[in-house]
Amino acid sequence: MKGYKNKRRSHQKYNWFNIQNEQRAKWESLCPVGEYRILPSSALSGILPDDLINQFANVFIMASGTSSGNVYYMANGNRLDQKDGAIDQMPFGVGFVGNDPIASGTLIQHGNWDGRTTYPPKEFWLQVESSGFSNYFPSSEIPTEPSGKITNLNIESQEQAFRHIVNALKEQVGE
């Protein structure tokens, strides 16, 4: 996706992307509604710019439907920030009314929810350096299982990221 506009809301930076060509079937192949998946960042190739997804070690994807029939997806990239010694979440969200995408998707940078940034110990960074940037890493903000039902998800930072994404997207569909 090329070109996006920035919008700030209480210290969070929202980048809005045109998603008119997104297909719900493509997102459902990544993650069925009502579930979550942990996937390699390459799963977002063609959805987000490569220079962005190349920063992610992996991506947490979840999908939820509403009583009005709309479906919201979040792809929360986990970015290793070696300079600051942190792991940051960078969630991207899209919404669908039936099979039709809403006008824009959004990426949240500099989120302000608890658990959005974690600071692993020095030993973690030694492992990252020796094993390669894109390897899977353990984090308390990532489920221990690679997939499951969102009703079983018990990670507050992922739930908060999803709420921020959905609240921003709902404004577009009038929910």
C-alpha atoms as a PDB file:
ATOM      1  CA  MET A   1       0.000   0.000   0.000  1.00  0.00           C
ATOM      2  CA  LYS A   2       1.443   3.278  -1.037  1.00  0.00           C
ATOM      3  CA  GLY A   3       0.741   6.591   0.553  1.00  0.00           C
ATOM      4  CA  TYR A   4      -0.948   7.118   3.828  1.00  0.00           C
ATOM      5  CA  LYS A   5      -1.979  10.026   5.945  1.00  0.00           C
ATOM      6  CA  ASN A   6      -1.056  10.541   9.575  1.00  0.00           C
ATOM      7  CA  LYS A   7      -3.497  11.473  12.295  1.00  0.00           C
ATOM      8  CA  ARG A   8      -2.699  11.820  15.997  1.00  0.00           C
ATOM      9  CA  ARG A   9      -4.982  10.821  18.848  1.00  0.00           C
ATOM     10  CA  SER A  10      -3.713  11.182  22.404  1.00  0.00           C
ATOM     11  CA  HIS A  11      -0.044  10.488  21.614  1.00  0.00           C
ATOM     12  CA  GLN A  12      -0.843   7.610  19.293  1.00  0.00           C
ATOM     13  CA  LYS A  13       0.024   8.012  15.654  1.00  0.00           C
ATOM     14  CA  TYR A  14      -2.503   6.595  13.187  1.00  0.00           C
ATOM     15  CA  ASN A  15      -1.428   5.902   9.610  1.00  0.00           C
ATOM     16  CA  TRP A  16      -4.454   5.428   7.337  1.00  0.00           C
ATOM     17  CA  PHE A  17      -4.217   3.196   4.252  1.00  0.00           C
ATOM     18  CA  ASN A  18      -6.585   2.820   1.293  1.00  0.00           C
ATOM     19  CA  ILE A  19      -7.853  -0.777   1.530  1.00  0.00           C
ATOM     20  CA  GLN A  20     -10.549  -0.741  -1.146  1.00  0.00           C
ATOM     21  CA  ASN A  21      -8.871  -3.700  -2.893  1.00  0.00           C
ATOM     22  CA  GLU A  22      -8.565  -5.857   0.234  1.00  0.00           C
ATOM     23  CA  GLN A  23     -10.394  -9.159   0.123  1.00  0.00           C
ATOM     24  CA  ARG A  24     -12.043 -10.679   3.155  1.00  0.00           C
ATOM     25  CA  ALA A  25     -11.233 -14.180   1.860  1.00  0.00           C
ATOM     26  CA  LYS A  26      -7.514 -13.335   1.951  1.00  0.00           C
ATOM     27  CA  TRP A  27      -7.777 -12.265   5.590  1.00  0.00           C
ATOM     28  CA  GLU A  28      -9.887 -15.320   6.487  1.00  0.00           C
ATOM     29  CA  SER A  29      -7.166 -17.539   4.999  1.00  0.00           C
ATOM     30  CA  LEU A  30      -4.746 -15.930   7.457  1.00  0.00           C
ATOM     31  CA  CYS A  31      -7.114 -16.162  10.433  1.00  0.00           C
ATOM     32  CA  PRO A  32     -10.756 -17.309  10.665  1.00  0.00           C
ATOM     33  CA  VAL A  33     -13.261 -15.053  12.449  1.00  0.00           C
ATOM     34  CA  GLY A  34     -13.295 -15.669  16.202  1.00  0.00           C
ATOM     35  CA  GLU A  35      -9.705 -16.914  16.284  1.00  0.00           C
ATOM     36  CA  TYR A  36      -6.102 -15.749  16.536  1.00  0.00           C
ATOM     37  CA  ARG A  37      -2.892 -16.857  14.822  1.00  0.00           C
ATOM     38  CA  ILE A  38       0.811 -16.159  15.279  1.00  0.00           C
ATOM     39  CA  LEU A  39       2.426 -16.028  11.852  1.00  0.00           C
ATOM     40  CA  PRO A  40       5.723 -14.988  10.322  1.00  0.00           C
ATOM     41  CA  SER A  41       5.768 -11.356   9.247  1.00  0.00           C
ATOM     42  CA  SER A  42       5.970 -12.479   5.606  1.00  0.00           C
ATOM     43  CA  ALA A  43       2.249 -13.382   5.897  1.00  0.00           C
ATOM     44  CA  LEU A  44       1.551  -9.637   5.546  1.00  0.00           C
ATOM     45  CA  SER A  45       3.448  -9.335   2.258  1.00  0.00           C
ATOM     46  CA  GLY A  46       1.274  -7.443  -0.203  1.00  0.00           C
ATOM     47  CA  ILE A  47      -0.909  -6.104   2.602  1.00  0.00           C
ATOM     48  CA  LEU A  48       1.557  -3.694   4.225  1.00  0.00           C
ATOM     49  CA  PRO A  49       4.735  -2.190   2.773  1.00  0.00           C
ATOM     50  CA  ASP A  50       7.704  -4.568   2.861  1.00  0.00           C
ATOM     51  CA  ASP A  51       9.911  -1.984   4.591  1.00  0.00           C
ATOM     52  CA  LEU A  52       7.434  -2.038   7.492  1.00  0.00           C
ATOM     53  CA  ILE A  53       6.851  -5.791   7.773  1.00  0.00           C
ATOM     54  CA  ASN A  54      10.584  -6.454   7.512  1.00  0.00           C
ATOM     55  CA  GLN A  55      10.854  -4.782  10.930  1.00  0.00           C
ATOM     56  CA  PHE A  56       8.544  -7.388  12.488  1.00  0.00           C
ATOM     57  CA  ALA A  57       9.847 -10.592  14.056  1.00  0.00           C
ATOM     58  CA  ASN A  58       6.356 -12.093  13.834  1.00  0.00           C
ATOM     59  CA  VAL A  59       2.736 -11.000  13.712  1.00  0.00           C
ATOM     60  CA  PHE A  60      -0.229 -11.762  15.966  1.00  0.00           C
ATOM     61  CA  ILE A  61      -3.497 -11.809  13.956  1.00  0.00           C
ATOM     62  CA  MET A  62      -7.001 -11.916  15.384  1.00  0.00           C
ATOM     63  CA  ALA A  63     -10.494 -11.518  13.921  1.00  0.00           C
ATOM     64  CA  SER A  64     -13.835 -10.742  15.496  1.00  0.00           C
ATOM     65  CA  GLY A  65     -17.327 -10.238  14.153  1.00  0.00           C
ATOM     66  CA  THR A  66     -20.000  -7.896  15.473  1.00  0.00           C
ATOM     67  CA  SER A  67     -23.734  -8.371  15.941  1.00  0.00           C
ATOM     68  CA  SER A  68     -24.274  -6.091  12.925  1.00  0.00           C
ATOM     69  CA  GLY A  69     -22.348  -8.505  10.690  1.00  0.00           C
ATOM     70  CA  ASN A  70     -19.158  -6.468  10.395  1.00  0.00           C
ATOM     71  CA  VAL A  71     -15.786  -8.158  10.809  1.00  0.00           C
ATOM     72  CA  TYR A  72     -12.597  -6.584  12.146  1.00  0.00           C
ATOM     73  CA  TYR A  73      -9.065  -7.923  11.740  1.00  0.00           C
ATOM     74  CA  MET A  74      -5.932  -6.909  13.595  1.00  0.00           C
ATOM     75  CA  ALA A  75      -2.430  -7.840  12.487  1.00  0.00           C
ATOM     76  CA  ASN A  76      -0.208  -6.815  15.405  1.00  0.00           C
ATOM     77  CA  GLY A  77       3.439  -6.761  14.319  1.00  0.00           C
ATOM     78  CA  ASN A  78       6.026  -7.371  17.012  1.00  0.00           C
ATOM     79  CA  ARG A  79       8.973  -5.116  16.244  1.00  0.00           C
ATOM     80  CA  LEU A  80      12.346  -5.667  17.857  1.00  0.00           C
ATOM     81  CA  ASP A  81      13.807  -2.310  18.840  1.00  0.00           C
ATOM     82  CA  GLN A  82      17.393  -3.206  19.723  1.00  0.00           C
ATOM     83  CA  LYS A  83      18.392   0.445  20.156  1.00  0.00           C
ATOM     84  CA  ASP A  84      15.913   0.864  23.044  1.00  0.00           C
ATOM     85  CA  GLY A  85      16.158  -2.768  24.182  1.00  0.00           C
ATOM     86  CA  ALA A  86      12.421  -3.284  23.670  1.00  0.00           C
ATOM     87  CA  ILE A  87       9.761  -5.189  21.776  1.00  0.00           C
ATOM     88  CA  ASP A  88       7.001  -2.913  20.446  1.00  0.00           C
ATOM     89  CA  GLN A  89       3.563  -3.818  19.153  1.00  0.00           C
ATOM     90  CA  MET A  90       2.484  -2.106  15.905  1.00  0.00           C
ATOM     91  CA  PRO A  91      -1.125  -3.121  15.157  1.00  0.00           C
ATOM     92  CA  PHE A  92      -2.719  -2.759  11.722  1.00  0.00           C
ATOM     93  CA  GLY A  93      -6.470  -3.153  11.344  1.00  0.00           C
ATOM     94  CA  VAL A  94      -9.021  -3.587   8.595  1.00  0.00           C
ATOM     95  CA  GLY A  95     -12.788  -3.908   8.671  1.00  0.00           C
ATOM     96  CA  PHE A  96     -15.374  -5.462   6.392  1.00  0.00           C
ATOM     97  CA  VAL A  97     -19.095  -4.898   5.997  1.00  0.00           C
ATOM     98  CA  GLY A  98     -20.053  -8.272   4.620  1.00  0.00           C
ATOM     99  CA  ASN A  99     -17.377  -8.958   2.016  1.00  0.00           C
ATOM    100  CA  ASP A 100     -16.790  -5.272   1.273  1.00  0.00           C
ATOM    101  CA  PRO A 101     -13.839  -3.530   2.913  1.00  0.00           C
ATOM    102  CA  ILE A 102     -14.395  -0.230   4.657  1.00  0.00           C
ATOM    103  CA  ALA A 103     -12.608   2.762   3.131  1.00  0.00           C
ATOM    104  CA  SER A 104      -9.394   2.730   5.165  1.00  0.00           C
ATOM    105  CA  GLY A 105      -7.244   0.485   7.275  1.00  0.00           C
ATOM    106  CA  THR A 106      -5.098   1.892  10.044  1.00  0.00           C
ATOM    107  CA  LEU A 107      -1.696   1.271  11.576  1.00  0.00           C
ATOM    108  CA  ILE A 108      -1.125   2.486  15.132  1.00  0.00           C
ATOM    109  CA  GLN A 109       2.364   3.655  16.006  1.00  0.00           C
ATOM    110  CA  HIS A 110       3.378   4.723  19.508  1.00  0.00           C
ATOM    111  CA  GLY A 111       0.375   3.071  21.128  1.00  0.00           C
ATOM    112  CA  ASN A 112      -0.337   4.008  24.728  1.00  0.00           C
ATOM    113  CA  TRP A 113      -1.793   0.838  26.279  1.00  0.00           C
ATOM    114  CA  ASP A 114      -0.206  -1.291  28.995  1.00  0.00           C
ATOM    115  CA  GLY A 115       2.095  -4.015  27.659  1.00  0.00           C
ATOM    116  CA  ARG A 116       2.499  -2.373  24.240  1.00  0.00           C
ATOM    117  CA  THR A 117       6.264  -2.188  24.873  1.00  0.00           C
ATOM    118  CA  THR A 118       8.168  -4.848  26.795  1.00  0.00           C
ATOM    119  CA  TYR A 119      11.803  -4.837  27.878  1.00  0.00           C
ATOM    120  CA  PRO A 120      13.390  -8.302  27.730  1.00  0.00           C
ATOM    121  CA  PRO A 121      16.571  -9.014  29.707  1.00  0.00           C
ATOM    122  CA  LYS A 122      20.055  -8.611  28.204  1.00  0.00           C
ATOM    123  CA  GLU A 123      20.268 -12.382  27.620  1.00  0.00           C
ATOM    124  CA  PHE A 124      17.364 -12.119  25.183  1.00  0.00           C
ATOM    125  CA  TRP A 125      19.250  -9.622  23.034  1.00  0.00           C
ATOM    126  CA  LEU A 126      22.335 -11.850  23.005  1.00  0.00           C
ATOM    127  CA  GLN A 127      20.136 -14.648  21.639  1.00  0.00           C
ATOM    128  CA  VAL A 128      18.623 -12.321  19.021  1.00  0.00           C
ATOM    129  CA  GLU A 129      22.088 -11.290  17.854  1.00  0.00           C
ATOM    130  CA  SER A 130      23.333 -14.869  17.613  1.00  0.00           C
ATOM    131  CA  SER A 131      20.243 -16.444  16.043  1.00  0.00           C
ATOM    132  CA  GLY A 132      19.070 -13.829  13.546  1.00  0.00           C
ATOM    133  CA  PHE A 133      16.499 -11.049  13.620  1.00  0.00           C
ATOM    134  CA  SER A 134      13.450 -12.841  12.239  1.00  0.00           C
ATOM    135  CA  ASN A 135      13.420 -15.905  14.502  1.00  0.00           C
ATOM    136  CA  TYR A 136      10.478 -16.503  16.794  1.00  0.00           C
ATOM    137  CA  PHE A 137      10.986 -15.075  20.261  1.00  0.00           C
ATOM    138  CA  PRO A 138       9.225 -15.788  23.537  1.00  0.00           C
ATOM    139  CA  SER A 139       7.318 -12.895  25.052  1.00  0.00           C
ATOM    140  CA  SER A 140       4.674 -12.655  27.739  1.00  0.00           C
ATOM    141  CA  GLU A 141       2.619 -10.548  25.289  1.00  0.00           C
ATOM    142  CA  ILE A 142       2.379 -13.401  22.745  1.00  0.00           C
ATOM    143  CA  PRO A 143       0.218 -16.490  23.396  1.00  0.00           C
ATOM    144  CA  THR A 144       2.118 -19.709  24.040  1.00  0.00           C
ATOM    145  CA  GLU A 145      -0.054 -21.505  21.484  1.00  0.00           C
ATOM    146  CA  PRO A 146       0.354 -20.505  17.793  1.00  0.00           C
ATOM    147  CA  SER A 147      -3.432 -20.429  17.252  1.00  0.00           C
ATOM    148  CA  GLY A 148      -6.689 -20.612  19.125  1.00  0.00           C
ATOM    149  CA  LYS A 149     -10.083 -19.106  19.863  1.00  0.00           C
ATOM    150  CA  ILE A 150     -10.086 -15.453  20.875  1.00  0.00           C
ATOM    151  CA  THR A 151     -12.421 -16.384  23.737  1.00  0.00           C
ATOM    152  CA  ASN A 152      -9.427 -18.236  25.254  1.00  0.00           C
ATOM    153  CA  LEU A 153      -7.023 -15.342  24.723  1.00  0.00           C
ATOM    154  CA  ASN A 154      -5.925 -13.872  28.020  1.00  0.00           C
ATOM    155  CA  ILE A 155      -3.320 -11.280  27.029  1.00  0.00           C
ATOM    156  CA  GLU A 156      -4.462  -7.812  27.986  1.00  0.00           C
ATOM    157  CA  SER A 157      -2.055  -5.913  25.690  1.00  0.00           C
ATOM    158  CA  GLN A 158      -3.354  -7.767  22.597  1.00  0.00           C
ATOM    159  CA  GLU A 159      -6.944  -7.153  23.654  1.00  0.00           C
ATOM    160  CA  GLN A 160      -6.235  -3.449  24.238  1.00  0.00           C
ATOM    161  CA  ALA A 161      -4.489  -3.126  20.858  1.00  0.00           C
ATOM    162  CA  PHE A 162      -7.531  -4.723  19.216  1.00  0.00           C
ATOM    163  CA  ARG A 163      -9.906  -2.329  21.028  1.00  0.00           C
ATOM    164  CA  HIS A 164      -7.867   0.675  19.825  1.00  0.00           C
ATOM    165  CA  ILE A 165      -7.923  -0.624  16.236  1.00  0.00           C
ATOM    166  CA  VAL A 166     -11.651  -1.444  16.260  1.00  0.00           C
ATOM    167  CA  ASN A 167     -12.625   1.885  17.842  1.00  0.00           C
ATOM    168  CA  ALA A 168     -10.736   3.782  15.127  1.00  0.00           C
ATOM    169  CA  LEU A 169     -12.278   1.656  12.342  1.00  0.00           C
ATOM    170  CA  LYS A 170     -15.827   1.742  13.704  1.00  0.00           C
ATOM    171  CA  GLU A 171     -15.966   5.476  13.098  1.00  0.00           C
ATOM    172  CA  GLN A 172     -15.904   4.705   9.367  1.00  0.00           C
ATOM    173  CA  VAL A 173     -18.906   2.378   9.457  1.00  0.00           C
ATOM    174  CA  GLY A 174     -20.975   4.302  11.979  1.00  0.00           C
ATOM    175  CA  GLU A 175     -21.042   1.642  14.679  1.00  0.00           C
END
